[in-house]
Amino acid sequence: MGSPLLLFGLPALGIYALTSHYLRKRPHLLHRPHQFPVRCRHASHRGGSGERIENTLEAFSYAQSQGTNLLELDCHLTRDGVVVVSHDDNLERQTGHNINISETNYEDLPLYKDRLEVTFSPGRYSHGSDRRIPRLEDVFQKFPGIPINIEIKENKDELIHKVADLIRQYDRSHISIWASFEEEVLKKCCAANKEMPYIFSVKRGIAILLLYYVGLLPFIPLKESFLEFLLPSIMNRTYFPVEKGYCGALLAKFTHRVTMRKKLFKHLEDRGIQVLLWVLNEEKDFEEAFSYGVTGVITDYPSSLRKYLDRHPPLLNE
């Protein structure tokens, strides 16, 4: 007689695999899709930091003129409690002054430099006439209808609650996205405003990848509405998580092999979870990203992405 494990285990495993495959293609049978009002094919990183000074009203205005679907920005809190839009707390890179936003009153914040190096295009610089660090409220007032991805840069309760209050004040919970790669910060954000959609943290992103590979993902509810991830091919070229060279190239190849899975992205899309790849500034990267079936691209160059999208309109079923 055969082993009970083989007798019962193999058929059970087969049924599990078939069910997982069936539900991966038909997630609506178990899960209600997320409903974000805009499909974000075009997202502008820091407002498009390759063409205007990053995170300024001028940058956001230019991105709007290029038909962006989503503005991406970062928030900090000044000493006198003003929520401002800036990627860094320490302003030496952006202004040349070695001071921290958290230790400076809003009225005393310096202007940005005349030009700033583009973080994801080393050796290239942006310029602009607007060099002022804006308040988050200024952005909400000037761009009331544009979806905004709001990255919380510090684990500070006061910052999180003030951002949540501003979002409610301007009635934009449905088009504002909580963003942080830290699980603890995202939990606080969601507690402060439960109506807002939010992205996957790094921890949760790794979890869904593991669930995908073992076949459990189709069975698991997902509360997140956006997966924002880097395109591995920019590693060792414009993004350097490790020292450039052999280790960087190896990491890029491994990350690409493990993460760039069309079936995974299609499953998430079918569940209403938008997949955005960052930060892409060259046409070959736009081409590669969309070849995986992702929702959209986050770029420093809104005009370049707009030209690409105009030449490659979405299919009718997208």
C-alpha atoms as a PDB file:
ATOM      1  CA  MET A   1       0.000   0.000   0.000  1.00  0.00           C
ATOM      2  CA  GLY A   2       1.183   3.497  -0.694  1.00  0.00           C
ATOM      3  CA  SER A   3       2.111   5.943   1.976  1.00  0.00           C
ATOM      4  CA  PRO A   4      -0.898   7.919   3.386  1.00  0.00           C
ATOM      5  CA  LEU A   5       1.066  11.078   2.662  1.00  0.00           C
ATOM      6  CA  LEU A   6       1.254  10.229  -1.020  1.00  0.00           C
ATOM      7  CA  LEU A   7      -2.259   8.856  -1.090  1.00  0.00           C
ATOM      8  CA  PHE A   8      -3.894  11.971   0.327  1.00  0.00           C
ATOM      9  CA  GLY A   9      -1.196  14.632   0.156  1.00  0.00           C
ATOM     10  CA  LEU A  10      -0.575  14.667  -3.570  1.00  0.00           C
ATOM     11  CA  PRO A  11      -4.252  15.022  -4.559  1.00  0.00           C
ATOM     12  CA  ALA A  12      -4.699  17.753  -1.929  1.00  0.00           C
ATOM     13  CA  LEU A  13      -1.640  19.575  -3.256  1.00  0.00           C
ATOM     14  CA  GLY A  14      -2.976  19.288  -6.782  1.00  0.00           C
ATOM     15  CA  ILE A  15      -6.375  20.668  -5.783  1.00  0.00           C
ATOM     16  CA  TYR A  16      -4.655  23.532  -3.924  1.00  0.00           C
ATOM     17  CA  ALA A  17      -2.482  24.387  -6.940  1.00  0.00           C
ATOM     18  CA  LEU A  18      -5.437  24.326  -9.332  1.00  0.00           C
ATOM     19  CA  THR A  19      -7.579  26.449  -7.012  1.00  0.00           C
ATOM     20  CA  SER A  20      -4.767  28.959  -6.524  1.00  0.00           C
ATOM     21  CA  HIS A  21      -4.256  29.203 -10.287  1.00  0.00           C
ATOM     22  CA  TYR A  22      -7.991  29.635 -10.897  1.00  0.00           C
ATOM     23  CA  LEU A  23      -8.387  32.367  -8.267  1.00  0.00           C
ATOM     24  CA  ARG A  24      -5.229  34.160  -9.376  1.00  0.00           C
ATOM     25  CA  LYS A  25      -6.933  34.755 -12.706  1.00  0.00           C
ATOM     26  CA  ARG A  26     -10.341  35.507 -11.143  1.00  0.00           C
ATOM     27  CA  PRO A  27      -9.671  37.401  -7.895  1.00  0.00           C
ATOM     28  CA  HIS A  28     -13.105  39.063  -8.032  1.00  0.00           C
ATOM     29  CA  LEU A  29     -14.603  35.769  -6.844  1.00  0.00           C
ATOM     30  CA  LEU A  30     -13.061  36.362  -3.391  1.00  0.00           C
ATOM     31  CA  HIS A  31     -12.145  40.044  -3.246  1.00  0.00           C
ATOM     32  CA  ARG A  32     -13.833  43.328  -4.042  1.00  0.00           C
ATOM     33  CA  PRO A  33     -11.463  45.432  -6.205  1.00  0.00           C
ATOM     34  CA  HIS A  34     -10.071  48.681  -4.850  1.00  0.00           C
ATOM     35  CA  GLN A  35     -11.579  51.726  -6.552  1.00  0.00           C
ATOM     36  CA  PHE A  36      -9.128  54.628  -6.855  1.00  0.00           C
ATOM     37  CA  PRO A  37     -10.732  57.319  -9.047  1.00  0.00           C
ATOM     38  CA  VAL A  38      -7.733  57.771 -11.363  1.00  0.00           C
ATOM     39  CA  ARG A  39      -5.544  55.283 -13.222  1.00  0.00           C
ATOM     40  CA  CYS A  40      -2.050  56.633 -12.575  1.00  0.00           C
ATOM     41  CA  ARG A  41      -0.052  55.971 -15.737  1.00  0.00           C
ATOM     42  CA  HIS A  42       1.899  59.222 -15.343  1.00  0.00           C
ATOM     43  CA  ALA A  43       3.314  60.089 -11.906  1.00  0.00           C
ATOM     44  CA  SER A  44       5.694  62.978 -11.224  1.00  0.00           C
ATOM     45  CA  HIS A  45       8.452  62.342  -8.677  1.00  0.00           C
ATOM     46  CA  ARG A  46       8.856  65.350  -6.367  1.00  0.00           C
ATOM     47  CA  GLY A  47       6.737  67.146  -8.941  1.00  0.00           C
ATOM     48  CA  GLY A  48       9.178  66.314 -11.725  1.00  0.00           C
ATOM     49  CA  SER A  49      12.532  67.154 -10.194  1.00  0.00           C
ATOM     50  CA  GLY A  50      14.412  66.831 -13.478  1.00  0.00           C
ATOM     51  CA  GLU A  51      12.683  69.780 -15.143  1.00  0.00           C
ATOM     52  CA  ARG A  52      11.987  72.168 -12.259  1.00  0.00           C
ATOM     53  CA  ILE A  53      13.355  72.568  -8.740  1.00  0.00           C
ATOM     54  CA  GLU A  54      12.000  69.596  -6.797  1.00  0.00           C
ATOM     55  CA  ASN A  55       8.915  69.805  -4.588  1.00  0.00           C
ATOM     56  CA  THR A  56       8.089  73.416  -5.533  1.00  0.00           C
ATOM     57  CA  LEU A  57       4.769  74.834  -6.700  1.00  0.00           C
ATOM     58  CA  GLU A  58       6.415  75.557 -10.044  1.00  0.00           C
ATOM     59  CA  ALA A  59       7.368  71.883 -10.404  1.00  0.00           C
ATOM     60  CA  PHE A  60       3.858  70.734  -9.574  1.00  0.00           C
ATOM     61  CA  SER A  61       2.373  73.263 -12.014  1.00  0.00           C
ATOM     62  CA  TYR A  62       4.642  72.055 -14.797  1.00  0.00           C
ATOM     63  CA  ALA A  63       3.744  68.430 -14.073  1.00  0.00           C
ATOM     64  CA  GLN A  64       0.075  69.403 -14.242  1.00  0.00           C
ATOM     65  CA  SER A  65       0.669  71.031 -17.633  1.00  0.00           C
ATOM     66  CA  GLN A  66       2.059  67.686 -18.833  1.00  0.00           C
ATOM     67  CA  GLY A  67      -1.125  65.904 -17.835  1.00  0.00           C
ATOM     68  CA  THR A  68       0.288  64.042 -14.860  1.00  0.00           C
ATOM     69  CA  ASN A  69      -2.141  61.717 -13.077  1.00  0.00           C
ATOM     70  CA  LEU A  70      -0.299  61.787  -9.757  1.00  0.00           C
ATOM     71  CA  LEU A  71       1.988  64.158  -7.906  1.00  0.00           C
ATOM     72  CA  GLU A  72       4.517  62.564  -5.559  1.00  0.00           C
ATOM     73  CA  LEU A  73       5.883  64.633  -2.693  1.00  0.00           C
ATOM     74  CA  ASP A  74       7.484  64.386   0.746  1.00  0.00           C
ATOM     75  CA  CYS A  75       6.580  66.033   4.038  1.00  0.00           C
ATOM     76  CA  HIS A  76       8.387  67.304   7.114  1.00  0.00           C
ATOM     77  CA  LEU A  77       7.365  69.413  10.103  1.00  0.00           C
ATOM     78  CA  THR A  78       9.014  72.727  11.039  1.00  0.00           C
ATOM     79  CA  ARG A  79       9.851  73.727  14.603  1.00  0.00           C
ATOM     80  CA  ASP A  80       6.755  75.927  14.738  1.00  0.00           C
ATOM     81  CA  GLY A  81       4.503  73.101  13.536  1.00  0.00           C
ATOM     82  CA  VAL A  82       4.067  73.852   9.821  1.00  0.00           C
ATOM     83  CA  VAL A  83       3.850  70.890   7.431  1.00  0.00           C
ATOM     84  CA  VAL A  84       6.202  71.634   4.544  1.00  0.00           C
ATOM     85  CA  VAL A  85       7.008  69.825   1.312  1.00  0.00           C
ATOM     86  CA  SER A  86      10.645  68.733   1.217  1.00  0.00           C
ATOM     87  CA  HIS A  87      12.448  65.464   0.632  1.00  0.00           C
ATOM     88  CA  ASP A  88      15.183  66.066   3.214  1.00  0.00           C
ATOM     89  CA  ASP A  89      14.981  67.254   6.795  1.00  0.00           C
ATOM     90  CA  ASN A  90      18.558  68.517   6.605  1.00  0.00           C
ATOM     91  CA  LEU A  91      18.677  71.238   3.950  1.00  0.00           C
ATOM     92  CA  GLU A  92      22.358  71.242   3.002  1.00  0.00           C
ATOM     93  CA  ARG A  93      21.831  69.331  -0.269  1.00  0.00           C
ATOM     94  CA  GLN A  94      18.878  71.441  -1.332  1.00  0.00           C
ATOM     95  CA  THR A  95      19.818  74.899  -0.041  1.00  0.00           C
ATOM     96  CA  GLY A  96      23.503  74.825   0.908  1.00  0.00           C
ATOM     97  CA  HIS A  97      22.580  75.537   4.543  1.00  0.00           C
ATOM     98  CA  ASN A  98      23.375  72.856   7.099  1.00  0.00           C
ATOM     99  CA  ILE A  99      20.159  73.240   9.083  1.00  0.00           C
ATOM    100  CA  ASN A 100      17.238  70.925   9.843  1.00  0.00           C
ATOM    101  CA  ILE A 101      13.632  71.727   8.997  1.00  0.00           C
ATOM    102  CA  SER A 102      12.578  70.252  12.332  1.00  0.00           C
ATOM    103  CA  GLU A 103      14.759  72.792  14.150  1.00  0.00           C
ATOM    104  CA  THR A 104      13.783  75.842  12.064  1.00  0.00           C
ATOM    105  CA  ASN A 105      10.659  78.012  11.967  1.00  0.00           C
ATOM    106  CA  TYR A 106       8.856  78.129   8.635  1.00  0.00           C
ATOM    107  CA  GLU A 107       9.576  81.826   7.995  1.00  0.00           C
ATOM    108  CA  ASP A 108      13.301  81.173   8.489  1.00  0.00           C
ATOM    109  CA  LEU A 109      13.626  78.373   5.941  1.00  0.00           C
ATOM    110  CA  PRO A 110      16.165  79.272   3.220  1.00  0.00           C
ATOM    111  CA  LEU A 111      15.503  79.183  -0.514  1.00  0.00           C
ATOM    112  CA  TYR A 112      16.543  76.265  -2.669  1.00  0.00           C
ATOM    113  CA  LYS A 113      19.759  76.524  -4.677  1.00  0.00           C
ATOM    114  CA  ASP A 114      19.638  77.925  -8.221  1.00  0.00           C
ATOM    115  CA  ARG A 115      20.078  74.391  -9.531  1.00  0.00           C
ATOM    116  CA  LEU A 116      19.803  70.927  -7.998  1.00  0.00           C
ATOM    117  CA  GLU A 117      21.292  67.646  -9.129  1.00  0.00           C
ATOM    118  CA  VAL A 118      18.620  65.134 -10.093  1.00  0.00           C
ATOM    119  CA  THR A 119      18.916  62.263  -7.627  1.00  0.00           C
ATOM    120  CA  PHE A 120      17.985  59.540 -10.124  1.00  0.00           C
ATOM    121  CA  SER A 121      19.881  61.090 -13.043  1.00  0.00           C
ATOM    122  CA  PRO A 122      23.344  61.754 -11.577  1.00  0.00           C
ATOM    123  CA  GLY A 123      25.201  64.526 -13.385  1.00  0.00           C
ATOM    124  CA  ARG A 124      22.025  66.234 -14.606  1.00  0.00           C
ATOM    125  CA  TYR A 125      20.603  69.356 -12.959  1.00  0.00           C
ATOM    126  CA  SER A 126      17.234  71.047 -12.704  1.00  0.00           C
ATOM    127  CA  HIS A 127      16.562  74.789 -12.686  1.00  0.00           C
ATOM    128  CA  GLY A 128      13.561  76.954 -11.941  1.00  0.00           C
ATOM    129  CA  SER A 129      12.393  80.394 -10.923  1.00  0.00           C
ATOM    130  CA  ASP A 130      10.524  79.113  -7.854  1.00  0.00           C
ATOM    131  CA  ARG A 131      12.962  78.267  -5.058  1.00  0.00           C
ATOM    132  CA  ARG A 132      10.626  78.471  -2.068  1.00  0.00           C
ATOM    133  CA  ILE A 133       9.840  75.475   0.143  1.00  0.00           C
ATOM    134  CA  PRO A 134       6.021  75.341   0.091  1.00  0.00           C
ATOM    135  CA  ARG A 135       3.600  74.366   2.790  1.00  0.00           C
ATOM    136  CA  LEU A 136       1.537  71.257   2.120  1.00  0.00           C
ATOM    137  CA  GLU A 137      -1.502  73.498   2.472  1.00  0.00           C
ATOM    138  CA  ASP A 138      -0.223  75.650  -0.415  1.00  0.00           C
ATOM    139  CA  VAL A 139      -0.157  72.539  -2.614  1.00  0.00           C
ATOM    140  CA  PHE A 140      -3.677  71.512  -1.614  1.00  0.00           C
ATOM    141  CA  GLN A 141      -4.985  75.016  -2.344  1.00  0.00           C
ATOM    142  CA  LYS A 142      -3.351  75.252  -5.766  1.00  0.00           C
ATOM    143  CA  PHE A 143      -4.050  71.693  -6.952  1.00  0.00           C
ATOM    144  CA  PRO A 144      -7.396  70.699  -5.421  1.00  0.00           C
ATOM    145  CA  GLY A 145      -8.304  67.973  -7.903  1.00  0.00           C
ATOM    146  CA  ILE A 146      -4.989  66.241  -8.568  1.00  0.00           C
ATOM    147  CA  PRO A 147      -4.216  62.985  -6.741  1.00  0.00           C
ATOM    148  CA  ILE A 148      -1.162  63.279  -4.502  1.00  0.00           C
ATOM    149  CA  ASN A 149       1.095  60.582  -3.120  1.00  0.00           C
ATOM    150  CA  ILE A 150       2.206  61.946   0.270  1.00  0.00           C
ATOM    151  CA  GLU A 151       5.323  60.328   1.698  1.00  0.00           C
ATOM    152  CA  ILE A 152       5.755  60.774   5.435  1.00  0.00           C
ATOM    153  CA  LYS A 153       9.500  61.062   5.941  1.00  0.00           C
ATOM    154  CA  GLU A 154       9.631  60.873   9.726  1.00  0.00           C
ATOM    155  CA  ASN A 155       7.966  58.758  12.372  1.00  0.00           C
ATOM    156  CA  LYS A 156       6.387  61.708  14.164  1.00  0.00           C
ATOM    157  CA  ASP A 157       2.835  61.571  15.463  1.00  0.00           C
ATOM    158  CA  GLU A 158       2.367  65.344  15.194  1.00  0.00           C
ATOM    159  CA  LEU A 159       3.401  65.338  11.529  1.00  0.00           C
ATOM    160  CA  ILE A 160       1.091  62.446  10.684  1.00  0.00           C
ATOM    161  CA  HIS A 161      -1.920  63.957  12.452  1.00  0.00           C
ATOM    162  CA  LYS A 162      -1.392  67.409  10.937  1.00  0.00           C
ATOM    163  CA  VAL A 163      -1.198  65.918   7.443  1.00  0.00           C
ATOM    164  CA  ALA A 164      -4.357  63.898   8.127  1.00  0.00           C
ATOM    165  CA  ASP A 165      -6.156  67.010   9.387  1.00  0.00           C
ATOM    166  CA  LEU A 166      -5.165  69.017   6.312  1.00  0.00           C
ATOM    167  CA  ILE A 167      -6.406  66.272   4.019  1.00  0.00           C
ATOM    168  CA  ARG A 168      -9.773  66.241   5.762  1.00  0.00           C
ATOM    169  CA  GLN A 169      -9.904  70.042   5.779  1.00  0.00           C
ATOM    170  CA  TYR A 170      -9.497  70.122   1.993  1.00  0.00           C
ATOM    171  CA  ASP A 171     -11.802  67.123   1.468  1.00  0.00           C
ATOM    172  CA  ARG A 172      -9.290  65.082  -0.489  1.00  0.00           C
ATOM    173  CA  SER A 173      -9.068  61.770   1.374  1.00  0.00           C
ATOM    174  CA  HIS A 174     -10.256  59.931  -1.758  1.00  0.00           C
ATOM    175  CA  ILE A 175      -7.411  61.309  -3.925  1.00  0.00           C
ATOM    176  CA  SER A 176      -4.577  61.392  -1.394  1.00  0.00           C
ATOM    177  CA  ILE A 177      -2.322  58.390  -0.792  1.00  0.00           C
ATOM    178  CA  TRP A 178      -0.412  57.596   2.369  1.00  0.00           C
ATOM    179  CA  ALA A 179       3.150  56.616   1.525  1.00  0.00           C
ATOM    180  CA  SER A 180       6.004  55.312   3.642  1.00  0.00           C
ATOM    181  CA  PHE A 181       8.196  52.271   3.264  1.00  0.00           C
ATOM    182  CA  GLU A 182       8.136  51.767   7.031  1.00  0.00           C
ATOM    183  CA  GLU A 183       5.400  49.518   8.419  1.00  0.00           C
ATOM    184  CA  GLU A 184       5.124  51.361  11.730  1.00  0.00           C
ATOM    185  CA  VAL A 185       4.685  54.745  10.058  1.00  0.00           C
ATOM    186  CA  LEU A 186       1.994  53.430   7.694  1.00  0.00           C
ATOM    187  CA  LYS A 187       0.041  51.938  10.591  1.00  0.00           C
ATOM    188  CA  LYS A 188      -0.004  55.339  12.303  1.00  0.00           C
ATOM    189  CA  CYS A 189      -1.028  57.032   9.057  1.00  0.00           C
ATOM    190  CA  CYS A 190      -3.931  54.665   8.500  1.00  0.00           C
ATOM    191  CA  ALA A 191      -5.086  55.151  12.093  1.00  0.00           C
ATOM    192  CA  ALA A 192      -5.000  58.945  11.615  1.00  0.00           C
ATOM    193  CA  ASN A 193      -7.141  58.812   8.446  1.00  0.00           C
ATOM    194  CA  LYS A 194      -8.741  55.465   7.664  1.00  0.00           C
ATOM    195  CA  GLU A 195     -10.407  56.729   4.480  1.00  0.00           C
ATOM    196  CA  MET A 196      -7.166  57.226   2.562  1.00  0.00           C
ATOM    197  CA  PRO A 197      -5.646  54.566   0.320  1.00  0.00           C
ATOM    198  CA  TYR A 198      -2.057  53.610   1.046  1.00  0.00           C
ATOM    199  CA  ILE A 199       0.951  51.819  -0.408  1.00  0.00           C
ATOM    200  CA  PHE A 200       2.671  48.589   0.585  1.00  0.00           C
ATOM    201  CA  SER A 201       5.469  48.947   3.112  1.00  0.00           C
ATOM    202  CA  VAL A 202       8.744  47.122   2.388  1.00  0.00           C
ATOM    203  CA  LYS A 203       7.770  44.424   4.878  1.00  0.00           C
ATOM    204  CA  ARG A 204       4.365  43.926   3.294  1.00  0.00           C
ATOM    205  CA  GLY A 205       5.859  43.996  -0.198  1.00  0.00           C
ATOM    206  CA  ILE A 206       8.179  41.119   0.684  1.00  0.00           C
ATOM    207  CA  ALA A 207       5.230  39.287   2.211  1.00  0.00           C
ATOM    208  CA  ILE A 208       3.078  39.454  -0.939  1.00  0.00           C
ATOM    209  CA  LEU A 209       6.028  38.279  -3.006  1.00  0.00           C
ATOM    210  CA  LEU A 210       6.419  35.211  -0.784  1.00  0.00           C
ATOM    211  CA  LEU A 211       2.662  34.606  -0.829  1.00  0.00           C
ATOM    212  CA  TYR A 212       2.712  34.782  -4.621  1.00  0.00           C
ATOM    213  CA  TYR A 213       5.442  32.167  -4.933  1.00  0.00           C
ATOM    214  CA  VAL A 214       3.752  29.686  -2.574  1.00  0.00           C
ATOM    215  CA  GLY A 215       0.364  30.228  -4.211  1.00  0.00           C
ATOM    216  CA  LEU A 216      -1.397  31.766  -1.221  1.00  0.00           C
ATOM    217  CA  LEU A 217      -1.759  35.313  -2.553  1.00  0.00           C
ATOM    218  CA  PRO A 218      -5.138  34.761  -4.284  1.00  0.00           C
ATOM    219  CA  PHE A 219      -6.657  33.712  -0.949  1.00  0.00           C
ATOM    220  CA  ILE A 220      -5.345  36.649   1.139  1.00  0.00           C
ATOM    221  CA  PRO A 221      -7.212  39.989   1.527  1.00  0.00           C
ATOM    222  CA  LEU A 222      -5.066  43.023   0.701  1.00  0.00           C
ATOM    223  CA  LYS A 223      -5.933  46.438   2.126  1.00  0.00           C
ATOM    224  CA  GLU A 224      -3.249  48.373   0.236  1.00  0.00           C
ATOM    225  CA  SER A 225      -4.187  50.167  -2.992  1.00  0.00           C
ATOM    226  CA  PHE A 226      -0.732  50.807  -4.487  1.00  0.00           C
ATOM    227  CA  LEU A 227       2.488  48.873  -4.948  1.00  0.00           C
ATOM    228  CA  GLU A 228       5.376  51.262  -5.606  1.00  0.00           C
ATOM    229  CA  PHE A 229       8.615  49.514  -6.464  1.00  0.00           C
ATOM    230  CA  LEU A 230      11.879  50.245  -8.216  1.00  0.00           C
ATOM    231  CA  LEU A 231      12.658  48.954 -11.675  1.00  0.00           C
ATOM    232  CA  PRO A 232      15.648  46.670 -10.993  1.00  0.00           C
ATOM    233  CA  SER A 233      17.464  47.637 -14.198  1.00  0.00           C
ATOM    234  CA  ILE A 234      18.127  51.146 -12.837  1.00  0.00           C
ATOM    235  CA  MET A 235      20.124  49.646  -9.978  1.00  0.00           C
ATOM    236  CA  ASN A 236      23.865  50.102 -10.441  1.00  0.00           C
ATOM    237  CA  ARG A 237      23.059  52.735 -13.115  1.00  0.00           C
ATOM    238  CA  THR A 238      20.985  55.558 -11.601  1.00  0.00           C
ATOM    239  CA  TYR A 239      20.105  54.067  -8.188  1.00  0.00           C
ATOM    240  CA  PHE A 240      22.795  52.652  -5.930  1.00  0.00           C
ATOM    241  CA  PRO A 241      21.512  50.713  -2.890  1.00  0.00           C
ATOM    242  CA  VAL A 242      24.971  49.129  -2.644  1.00  0.00           C
ATOM    243  CA  GLU A 243      28.370  50.187  -3.979  1.00  0.00           C
ATOM    244  CA  LYS A 244      28.473  50.320  -7.754  1.00  0.00           C
ATOM    245  CA  GLY A 245      30.206  47.377  -9.368  1.00  0.00           C
ATOM    246  CA  TYR A 246      29.883  43.606  -9.291  1.00  0.00           C
ATOM    247  CA  CYS A 247      27.728  43.502  -6.152  1.00  0.00           C
ATOM    248  CA  GLY A 248      25.373  46.121  -7.565  1.00  0.00           C
ATOM    249  CA  ALA A 249      25.017  44.275 -10.855  1.00  0.00           C
ATOM    250  CA  LEU A 250      24.390  40.983  -9.046  1.00  0.00           C
ATOM    251  CA  LEU A 251      21.763  42.567  -6.823  1.00  0.00           C
ATOM    252  CA  ALA A 252      20.026  44.092  -9.860  1.00  0.00           C
ATOM    253  CA  LYS A 253      19.884  40.738 -11.662  1.00  0.00           C
ATOM    254  CA  PHE A 254      18.594  38.890  -8.605  1.00  0.00           C
ATOM    255  CA  THR A 255      15.959  41.542  -7.850  1.00  0.00           C
ATOM    256  CA  HIS A 256      14.813  41.538 -11.462  1.00  0.00           C
ATOM    257  CA  ARG A 257      14.478  37.769 -11.601  1.00  0.00           C
ATOM    258  CA  VAL A 258      12.492  37.605  -8.368  1.00  0.00           C
ATOM    259  CA  THR A 259      10.210  40.635  -8.644  1.00  0.00           C
ATOM    260  CA  MET A 260       9.393  41.455 -12.271  1.00  0.00           C
ATOM    261  CA  ARG A 261       6.526  38.989 -12.660  1.00  0.00           C
ATOM    262  CA  LYS A 262       3.783  39.834 -15.148  1.00  0.00           C
ATOM    263  CA  LYS A 263       1.365  37.360 -13.569  1.00  0.00           C
ATOM    264  CA  LEU A 264       1.849  38.959 -10.152  1.00  0.00           C
ATOM    265  CA  PHE A 265       1.269  42.465 -11.509  1.00  0.00           C
ATOM    266  CA  LYS A 266      -1.782  41.293 -13.484  1.00  0.00           C
ATOM    267  CA  HIS A 267      -3.268  39.725 -10.359  1.00  0.00           C
ATOM    268  CA  LEU A 268      -2.759  42.918  -8.372  1.00  0.00           C
ATOM    269  CA  GLU A 269      -4.228  44.999 -11.198  1.00  0.00           C
ATOM    270  CA  ASP A 270      -7.293  42.735 -11.298  1.00  0.00           C
ATOM    271  CA  ARG A 271      -7.739  43.435  -7.596  1.00  0.00           C
ATOM    272  CA  GLY A 272      -7.667  47.186  -8.220  1.00  0.00           C
ATOM    273  CA  ILE A 273      -4.139  47.582  -6.831  1.00  0.00           C
ATOM    274  CA  GLN A 274      -2.115  49.923  -9.019  1.00  0.00           C
ATOM    275  CA  VAL A 275       1.547  49.048  -9.640  1.00  0.00           C
ATOM    276  CA  LEU A 276       3.954  51.961 -10.151  1.00  0.00           C
ATOM    277  CA  LEU A 277       7.658  51.585 -10.933  1.00  0.00           C
ATOM    278  CA  TRP A 278      10.177  54.282  -9.938  1.00  0.00           C
ATOM    279  CA  VAL A 279      12.161  56.436 -10.655  1.00  0.00           C
ATOM    280  CA  LEU A 280      12.452  56.166 -14.436  1.00  0.00           C
ATOM    281  CA  ASN A 281      13.905  58.939 -16.586  1.00  0.00           C
ATOM    282  CA  GLU A 282      14.790  57.339 -19.905  1.00  0.00           C
ATOM    283  CA  GLU A 283      12.563  56.037 -22.691  1.00  0.00           C
ATOM    284  CA  LYS A 284      14.125  52.580 -22.597  1.00  0.00           C
ATOM    285  CA  ASP A 285      13.099  52.350 -18.947  1.00  0.00           C
ATOM    286  CA  PHE A 286       9.541  53.491 -19.706  1.00  0.00           C
ATOM    287  CA  GLU A 287       9.405  50.809 -22.402  1.00  0.00           C
ATOM    288  CA  GLU A 288      10.676  48.087 -20.099  1.00  0.00           C
ATOM    289  CA  ALA A 289       8.375  49.047 -17.226  1.00  0.00           C
ATOM    290  CA  PHE A 290       5.196  48.996 -19.305  1.00  0.00           C
ATOM    291  CA  SER A 291       6.243  45.698 -20.895  1.00  0.00           C
ATOM    292  CA  TYR A 292       5.602  44.072 -17.499  1.00  0.00           C
ATOM    293  CA  GLY A 293       2.000  45.255 -17.527  1.00  0.00           C
ATOM    294  CA  VAL A 294       2.319  47.775 -14.693  1.00  0.00           C
ATOM    295  CA  THR A 295      -0.135  50.605 -14.194  1.00  0.00           C
ATOM    296  CA  GLY A 296       2.299  53.461 -14.499  1.00  0.00           C
ATOM    297  CA  VAL A 297       5.700  55.035 -14.083  1.00  0.00           C
ATOM    298  CA  ILE A 298       7.064  57.556 -11.607  1.00  0.00           C
ATOM    299  CA  THR A 299       9.478  59.965 -13.308  1.00  0.00           C
ATOM    300  CA  ASP A 300      11.578  63.085 -12.756  1.00  0.00           C
ATOM    301  CA  TYR A 301      10.843  64.171 -16.345  1.00  0.00           C
ATOM    302  CA  PRO A 302       7.082  64.683 -16.856  1.00  0.00           C
ATOM    303  CA  SER A 303       7.481  65.933 -20.424  1.00  0.00           C
ATOM    304  CA  SER A 304       9.510  62.884 -21.497  1.00  0.00           C
ATOM    305  CA  LEU A 305       6.982  60.475 -20.042  1.00  0.00           C
ATOM    306  CA  ARG A 306       4.123  62.466 -21.603  1.00  0.00           C
ATOM    307  CA  LYS A 307       5.723  62.185 -25.059  1.00  0.00           C
ATOM    308  CA  TYR A 308       6.196  58.451 -24.575  1.00  0.00           C
ATOM    309  CA  LEU A 309       2.603  57.913 -23.444  1.00  0.00           C
ATOM    310  CA  ASP A 310       1.252  59.979 -26.322  1.00  0.00           C
ATOM    311  CA  ARG A 311       3.090  57.679 -28.734  1.00  0.00           C
ATOM    312  CA  HIS A 312       1.937  54.571 -26.847  1.00  0.00           C
ATOM    313  CA  PRO A 313      -1.726  55.037 -25.889  1.00  0.00           C
ATOM    314  CA  PRO A 314      -3.270  52.395 -23.617  1.00  0.00           C
ATOM    315  CA  LEU A 315      -5.185  49.508 -25.107  1.00  0.00           C
ATOM    316  CA  LEU A 316      -8.960  49.639 -24.832  1.00  0.00           C
ATOM    317  CA  ASN A 317      -9.009  46.980 -22.087  1.00  0.00           C
ATOM    318  CA  GLU A 318      -6.390  48.747 -19.959  1.00  0.00           C
END
